[in-house]
Amino acid sequence: MSSSVAEAAAKERLHSSGEDYLKAIFILEAQHGSVRSVEVAEYMNVSKAIVSHAVALLKKNGFLKMNQDYDFVLTDSGRAIASCIYEKHCYFKDISCKEIAMQALKTACTFYGGDLAGTLEVDLDFDV
């Protein structure tokens, strides 16, 4: 099975909250090298009990392991998914609201067969 197919299959077992935890662990690991539940709880502003529940689900689905020092360790599939989620996060963080609005408008015009994008682009230039 190719890695993209495996990632897609693994992602089906992951909900958006699980994605948030994988991304948090990925970021914290890059910043500190090792990650524990208290750090994830502080980063996400949730209780350690909530982190424990999320971690149990991530471990059950094969995205996360814990080493002998009780640090979280992303599995290969967990790391691949976390990396993709982080890349998307960075992309959408850097895109402006105007760019999002223009893309949505162009998509709607294409879908409905209209040509309103040129007319309404002027309004978006005023940053209303």
N, C-alpha and C. Protein backbone atom coordinates (compact mmCIF):
# COMPACT_ATOMS: atom_id res chain seq x y z
N MET A 1 0.85 -1.17 0.00
CA MET A 1 0.00 0.00 0.00
C MET A 1 0.90 1.24 0.00
N SER A 2 0.63 2.20 -0.89
CA SER A 2 1.45 3.39 -0.98
C SER A 2 1.26 4.25 0.26
N SER A 3 2.25 5.14 0.51
CA SER A 3 2.17 5.94 1.73
C SER A 3 0.99 6.89 1.69
N SER A 4 0.63 7.44 0.53
CA SER A 4 -0.51 8.35 0.47
C SER A 4 -1.82 7.62 0.73
N VAL A 5 -1.93 6.38 0.25
CA VAL A 5 -3.12 5.58 0.51
C VAL A 5 -3.18 5.23 2.00
N ALA A 6 -2.03 4.87 2.57
CA ALA A 6 -1.98 4.54 4.00
C ALA A 6 -2.34 5.76 4.84
N GLU A 7 -1.84 6.94 4.46
CA GLU A 7 -2.16 8.16 5.19
C GLU A 7 -3.64 8.47 5.10
N ALA A 8 -4.22 8.29 3.92
CA ALA A 8 -5.66 8.55 3.75
C ALA A 8 -6.48 7.59 4.60
N ALA A 9 -6.07 6.33 4.63
CA ALA A 9 -6.78 5.34 5.44
C ALA A 9 -6.66 5.68 6.92
N ALA A 10 -5.47 6.10 7.34
CA ALA A 10 -5.26 6.46 8.74
C ALA A 10 -6.05 7.70 9.10
N LYS A 11 -6.12 8.65 8.19
CA LYS A 11 -6.82 9.91 8.46
C LYS A 11 -8.31 9.69 8.65
N GLU A 12 -8.87 8.64 8.04
CA GLU A 12 -10.28 8.33 8.23
C GLU A 12 -10.59 8.00 9.69
N ARG A 13 -9.60 7.52 10.44
CA ARG A 13 -9.80 7.17 11.85
C ARG A 13 -9.55 8.36 12.77
N LEU A 14 -9.29 9.54 12.21
CA LEU A 14 -8.88 10.70 12.98
C LEU A 14 -9.89 11.82 12.81
N HIS A 15 -10.36 12.37 13.90
CA HIS A 15 -11.29 13.50 13.86
C HIS A 15 -10.51 14.80 14.03
N SER A 16 -11.19 15.93 13.87
CA SER A 16 -10.50 17.21 13.92
C SER A 16 -9.82 17.45 15.27
N SER A 17 -10.42 17.00 16.36
CA SER A 17 -9.76 17.19 17.65
C SER A 17 -8.47 16.37 17.73
N GLY A 18 -8.50 15.17 17.15
CA GLY A 18 -7.28 14.36 17.10
C GLY A 18 -6.21 15.04 16.26
N GLU A 19 -6.63 15.67 15.18
CA GLU A 19 -5.69 16.43 14.35
C GLU A 19 -5.07 17.56 15.16
N ASP A 20 -5.87 18.22 15.98
CA ASP A 20 -5.35 19.32 16.82
C ASP A 20 -4.28 18.81 17.78
N TYR A 21 -4.52 17.64 18.37
CA TYR A 21 -3.53 17.08 19.30
C TYR A 21 -2.26 16.65 18.57
N LEU A 22 -2.41 16.03 17.41
CA LEU A 22 -1.21 15.64 16.63
C LEU A 22 -0.40 16.87 16.25
N LYS A 23 -1.08 17.91 15.81
CA LYS A 23 -0.38 19.15 15.42
C LYS A 23 0.33 19.75 16.63
N ALA A 24 -0.34 19.78 17.78
CA ALA A 24 0.27 20.34 18.99
C ALA A 24 1.52 19.55 19.38
N ILE A 25 1.42 18.24 19.36
CA ILE A 25 2.57 17.39 19.71
C ILE A 25 3.70 17.60 18.71
N PHE A 26 3.35 17.70 17.43
CA PHE A 26 4.35 17.93 16.38
C PHE A 26 5.09 19.25 16.62
N ILE A 27 4.34 20.31 16.92
CA ILE A 27 4.94 21.63 17.14
C ILE A 27 5.80 21.62 18.41
N LEU A 28 5.26 21.08 19.48
CA LEU A 28 6.00 21.04 20.75
C LEU A 28 7.26 20.20 20.63
N GLU A 29 7.18 19.11 19.90
CA GLU A 29 8.36 18.26 19.70
C GLU A 29 9.44 19.03 18.95
N ALA A 30 9.03 19.79 17.94
CA ALA A 30 10.00 20.58 17.17
C ALA A 30 10.64 21.67 18.05
N GLN A 31 9.87 22.22 18.97
CA GLN A 31 10.38 23.29 19.83
C GLN A 31 11.23 22.77 20.98
N HIS A 32 10.82 21.65 21.60
CA HIS A 32 11.46 21.20 22.84
C HIS A 32 12.16 19.85 22.74
N GLY A 33 11.92 19.12 21.69
CA GLY A 33 12.54 17.80 21.54
C GLY A 33 11.73 16.67 22.14
N SER A 34 11.19 16.87 23.31
CA SER A 34 10.33 15.85 23.93
C SER A 34 9.05 16.52 24.39
N VAL A 35 7.99 15.72 24.49
CA VAL A 35 6.67 16.27 24.81
C VAL A 35 5.99 15.38 25.84
N ARG A 36 5.43 16.00 26.86
CA ARG A 36 4.65 15.29 27.88
C ARG A 36 3.25 15.88 27.94
N SER A 37 2.36 15.17 28.61
CA SER A 37 0.95 15.58 28.62
C SER A 37 0.74 16.97 29.22
N VAL A 38 1.50 17.32 30.24
CA VAL A 38 1.33 18.64 30.85
C VAL A 38 1.64 19.75 29.86
N GLU A 39 2.63 19.54 29.00
CA GLU A 39 2.98 20.55 27.99
C GLU A 39 1.88 20.68 26.94
N VAL A 40 1.31 19.55 26.55
CA VAL A 40 0.20 19.57 25.59
C VAL A 40 -1.00 20.28 26.20
N ALA A 41 -1.29 19.97 27.46
CA ALA A 41 -2.42 20.60 28.15
C ALA A 41 -2.24 22.12 28.22
N GLU A 42 -1.05 22.57 28.56
CA GLU A 42 -0.79 24.01 28.62
C GLU A 42 -0.89 24.64 27.24
N TYR A 43 -0.32 24.00 26.24
CA TYR A 43 -0.33 24.53 24.87
C TYR A 43 -1.76 24.67 24.34
N MET A 44 -2.60 23.67 24.62
CA MET A 44 -3.96 23.66 24.10
C MET A 44 -4.97 24.27 25.07
N ASN A 45 -4.50 24.63 26.26
CA ASN A 45 -5.36 25.24 27.27
C ASN A 45 -6.52 24.32 27.67
N VAL A 46 -6.17 23.07 27.93
CA VAL A 46 -7.14 22.06 28.38
C VAL A 46 -6.55 21.35 29.60
N SER A 47 -7.37 20.54 30.26
CA SER A 47 -6.89 19.80 31.43
C SER A 47 -6.06 18.58 31.01
N LYS A 48 -5.24 18.10 31.93
CA LYS A 48 -4.45 16.89 31.65
C LYS A 48 -5.34 15.68 31.43
N ALA A 49 -6.51 15.66 32.08
CA ALA A 49 -7.44 14.54 31.90
C ALA A 49 -7.94 14.48 30.45
N ILE A 50 -8.21 15.62 29.88
CA ILE A 50 -8.67 15.67 28.49
C ILE A 50 -7.55 15.20 27.56
N VAL A 51 -6.33 15.64 27.85
CA VAL A 51 -5.17 15.21 27.05
C VAL A 51 -5.02 13.70 27.16
N SER A 52 -5.17 13.15 28.36
CA SER A 52 -5.04 11.70 28.55
C SER A 52 -6.05 10.93 27.70
N HIS A 53 -7.26 11.42 27.65
CA HIS A 53 -8.29 10.77 26.84
C HIS A 53 -7.91 10.83 25.35
N ALA A 54 -7.50 12.00 24.89
CA ALA A 54 -7.12 12.15 23.48
C ALA A 54 -5.91 11.28 23.14
N VAL A 55 -4.94 11.24 24.04
CA VAL A 55 -3.73 10.45 23.82
C VAL A 55 -4.08 8.96 23.74
N ALA A 56 -5.00 8.52 24.58
CA ALA A 56 -5.41 7.11 24.54
C ALA A 56 -6.00 6.76 23.17
N LEU A 57 -6.79 7.65 22.62
CA LEU A 57 -7.36 7.40 21.28
C LEU A 57 -6.28 7.42 20.20
N LEU A 58 -5.35 8.36 20.30
CA LEU A 58 -4.26 8.43 19.31
C LEU A 58 -3.37 7.19 19.39
N LYS A 59 -3.11 6.70 20.58
CA LYS A 59 -2.32 5.48 20.75
C LYS A 59 -3.07 4.28 20.19
N LYS A 60 -4.37 4.20 20.49
CA LYS A 60 -5.20 3.08 20.03
C LYS A 60 -5.22 3.00 18.50
N ASN A 61 -5.21 4.16 17.84
CA ASN A 61 -5.25 4.19 16.39
C ASN A 61 -3.87 4.18 15.74
N GLY A 62 -2.83 4.06 16.54
CA GLY A 62 -1.49 3.88 16.00
C GLY A 62 -0.78 5.16 15.56
N PHE A 63 -1.22 6.31 16.08
CA PHE A 63 -0.59 7.57 15.69
C PHE A 63 0.47 8.03 16.69
N LEU A 64 0.45 7.45 17.88
CA LEU A 64 1.28 7.95 18.96
C LEU A 64 1.71 6.79 19.86
N LYS A 65 2.93 6.89 20.38
CA LYS A 65 3.44 5.95 21.37
C LYS A 65 3.99 6.76 22.54
N MET A 66 4.33 6.05 23.60
CA MET A 66 4.95 6.70 24.75
C MET A 66 6.23 5.94 25.05
N ASN A 67 7.33 6.68 25.26
CA ASN A 67 8.59 6.00 25.55
C ASN A 67 8.73 5.74 27.05
N GLN A 68 9.86 5.17 27.47
CA GLN A 68 10.06 4.78 28.86
C GLN A 68 10.09 5.99 29.80
N ASP A 69 10.35 7.19 29.27
CA ASP A 69 10.36 8.41 30.08
C ASP A 69 9.00 9.10 30.09
N TYR A 70 7.99 8.44 29.53
CA TYR A 70 6.62 8.96 29.43
C TYR A 70 6.52 10.18 28.50
N ASP A 71 7.45 10.29 27.56
CA ASP A 71 7.37 11.31 26.52
C ASP A 71 6.53 10.77 25.38
N PHE A 72 5.79 11.64 24.71
CA PHE A 72 5.03 11.23 23.54
C PHE A 72 5.97 11.10 22.35
N VAL A 73 5.75 10.07 21.55
CA VAL A 73 6.53 9.83 20.35
C VAL A 73 5.54 9.56 19.21
N LEU A 74 5.57 10.40 18.20
CA LEU A 74 4.70 10.19 17.05
C LEU A 74 5.18 8.97 16.27
N THR A 75 4.25 8.13 15.85
CA THR A 75 4.60 7.02 14.97
C THR A 75 4.83 7.58 13.57
N ASP A 76 5.28 6.75 12.65
CA ASP A 76 5.51 7.23 11.29
C ASP A 76 4.22 7.79 10.68
N SER A 77 3.11 7.07 10.86
CA SER A 77 1.85 7.57 10.30
C SER A 77 1.39 8.82 11.04
N GLY A 78 1.58 8.86 12.35
CA GLY A 78 1.22 10.05 13.12
C GLY A 78 2.02 11.26 12.71
N ARG A 79 3.33 11.05 12.48
CA ARG A 79 4.19 12.15 12.06
C ARG A 79 3.83 12.64 10.66
N ALA A 80 3.53 11.71 9.76
CA ALA A 80 3.17 12.10 8.39
C ALA A 80 1.90 12.93 8.39
N ILE A 81 0.91 12.49 9.16
CA ILE A 81 -0.35 13.23 9.22
C ILE A 81 -0.15 14.58 9.91
N ALA A 82 0.58 14.60 11.02
CA ALA A 82 0.84 15.84 11.74
C ALA A 82 1.58 16.84 10.86
N SER A 83 2.52 16.36 10.07
CA SER A 83 3.26 17.23 9.17
C SER A 83 2.34 17.86 8.13
N CYS A 84 1.44 17.07 7.56
CA CYS A 84 0.47 17.59 6.58
C CYS A 84 -0.46 18.61 7.22
N ILE A 85 -0.93 18.32 8.42
CA ILE A 85 -1.82 19.24 9.13
C ILE A 85 -1.09 20.54 9.41
N TYR A 86 0.16 20.46 9.83
CA TYR A 86 0.95 21.65 10.13
C TYR A 86 1.20 22.48 8.87
N GLU A 87 1.48 21.83 7.76
CA GLU A 87 1.68 22.55 6.50
C GLU A 87 0.41 23.31 6.11
N LYS A 88 -0.75 22.67 6.25
CA LYS A 88 -2.02 23.34 5.95
C LYS A 88 -2.23 24.52 6.90
N HIS A 89 -1.91 24.31 8.16
CA HIS A 89 -2.04 25.38 9.16
C HIS A 89 -1.19 26.59 8.75
N CYS A 90 0.03 26.34 8.36
CA CYS A 90 0.93 27.43 7.95
C CYS A 90 0.41 28.14 6.71
N TYR A 91 -0.11 27.38 5.76
CA TYR A 91 -0.64 27.97 4.53
C TYR A 91 -1.81 28.90 4.84
N PHE A 92 -2.77 28.40 5.61
CA PHE A 92 -3.96 29.20 5.88
C PHE A 92 -3.68 30.35 6.85
N LYS A 93 -2.65 30.21 7.68
CA LYS A 93 -2.27 31.30 8.58
C LYS A 93 -1.71 32.47 7.78
N ASP A 94 -1.02 32.17 6.67
CA ASP A 94 -0.36 33.20 5.89
C ASP A 94 -1.25 33.82 4.81
N ILE A 95 -2.37 33.21 4.51
CA ILE A 95 -3.23 33.73 3.46
C ILE A 95 -4.13 34.82 4.06
N SER A 96 -4.33 35.89 3.31
CA SER A 96 -5.12 37.01 3.84
C SER A 96 -6.61 36.77 3.66
N CYS A 97 -7.39 37.48 4.43
CA CYS A 97 -8.85 37.39 4.32
C CYS A 97 -9.30 37.83 2.92
N LYS A 98 -8.61 38.82 2.38
CA LYS A 98 -8.96 39.30 1.04
C LYS A 98 -8.75 38.20 0.00
N GLU A 99 -7.64 37.46 0.12
CA GLU A 99 -7.37 36.37 -0.81
C GLU A 99 -8.42 35.28 -0.70
N ILE A 100 -8.82 34.98 0.52
CA ILE A 100 -9.85 33.97 0.73
C ILE A 100 -11.17 34.42 0.12
N ALA A 101 -11.54 35.69 0.36
CA ALA A 101 -12.79 36.22 -0.19
C ALA A 101 -12.77 36.23 -1.71
N MET A 102 -11.65 36.61 -2.29
CA MET A 102 -11.55 36.66 -3.76
C MET A 102 -11.65 35.25 -4.35
N GLN A 103 -10.99 34.29 -3.73
CA GLN A 103 -11.06 32.91 -4.23
C GLN A 103 -12.48 32.37 -4.12
N ALA A 104 -13.15 32.65 -3.00
CA ALA A 104 -14.54 32.20 -2.83
C ALA A 104 -15.44 32.85 -3.88
N LEU A 105 -15.24 34.13 -4.13
CA LEU A 105 -16.04 34.85 -5.12
C LEU A 105 -15.81 34.30 -6.52
N LYS A 106 -14.57 34.07 -6.87
CA LYS A 106 -14.26 33.53 -8.20
C LYS A 106 -14.84 32.12 -8.36
N THR A 107 -14.75 31.33 -7.31
CA THR A 107 -15.32 29.98 -7.36
C THR A 107 -16.83 30.04 -7.55
N ALA A 108 -17.48 30.93 -6.80
CA ALA A 108 -18.94 31.08 -6.92
C ALA A 108 -19.32 31.55 -8.32
N CYS A 109 -18.57 32.50 -8.87
CA CYS A 109 -18.87 33.01 -10.21
C CYS A 109 -18.69 31.92 -11.26
N THR A 110 -17.64 31.12 -11.11
CA THR A 110 -17.42 30.02 -12.04
C THR A 110 -18.55 29.00 -11.93
N PHE A 111 -18.93 28.68 -10.72
CA PHE A 111 -19.98 27.70 -10.48
C PHE A 111 -21.31 28.16 -11.07
N TYR A 112 -21.64 29.44 -10.86
CA TYR A 112 -22.93 29.95 -11.33
C TYR A 112 -22.86 30.56 -12.73
N GLY A 113 -21.69 30.53 -13.34
CA GLY A 113 -21.55 31.02 -14.72
C GLY A 113 -21.59 32.53 -14.82
N GLY A 114 -21.31 33.23 -13.75
CA GLY A 114 -21.34 34.69 -13.78
C GLY A 114 -19.95 35.28 -13.89
N ASP A 115 -19.91 36.60 -13.99
CA ASP A 115 -18.63 37.30 -14.07
C ASP A 115 -18.68 38.50 -13.13
N LEU A 116 -18.91 38.24 -11.85
CA LEU A 116 -18.99 39.31 -10.88
C LEU A 116 -17.65 39.61 -10.22
N ALA A 117 -16.68 38.76 -10.41
CA ALA A 117 -15.41 38.91 -9.70
C ALA A 117 -14.75 40.25 -10.00
N GLY A 118 -14.73 40.66 -11.25
CA GLY A 118 -14.11 41.94 -11.60
C GLY A 118 -14.85 43.11 -11.01
N THR A 119 -16.17 43.03 -10.95
CA THR A 119 -16.99 44.11 -10.42
C THR A 119 -16.81 44.25 -8.91
N LEU A 120 -16.78 43.13 -8.20
CA LEU A 120 -16.73 43.18 -6.74
C LEU A 120 -15.31 43.27 -6.19
N GLU A 121 -14.31 43.05 -7.03
CA GLU A 121 -12.93 43.11 -6.57
C GLU A 121 -12.62 44.50 -6.03
N VAL A 122 -13.21 45.53 -6.61
CA VAL A 122 -12.98 46.91 -6.17
C VAL A 122 -13.40 47.07 -4.71
N ASP A 123 -14.54 46.49 -4.33
CA ASP A 123 -15.01 46.59 -2.97
C ASP A 123 -14.03 45.94 -1.99
N LEU A 124 -13.42 44.85 -2.40
CA LEU A 124 -12.47 44.17 -1.52
C LEU A 124 -11.18 44.96 -1.35
N ASP A 125 -10.85 45.82 -2.30
CA ASP A 125 -9.64 46.64 -2.19
C ASP A 125 -9.74 47.67 -1.06
N PHE A 126 -10.93 47.98 -0.62
CA PHE A 126 -11.11 48.94 0.46
C PHE A 126 -10.95 48.31 1.84
N ASP A 127 -10.71 47.00 1.87
CA ASP A 127 -10.54 46.26 3.13
C ASP A 127 -11.71 46.48 4.08
N VAL A 128 -12.90 46.39 3.53
CA VAL A 128 -14.12 46.58 4.33
C VAL A 128 -14.34 45.39 5.21
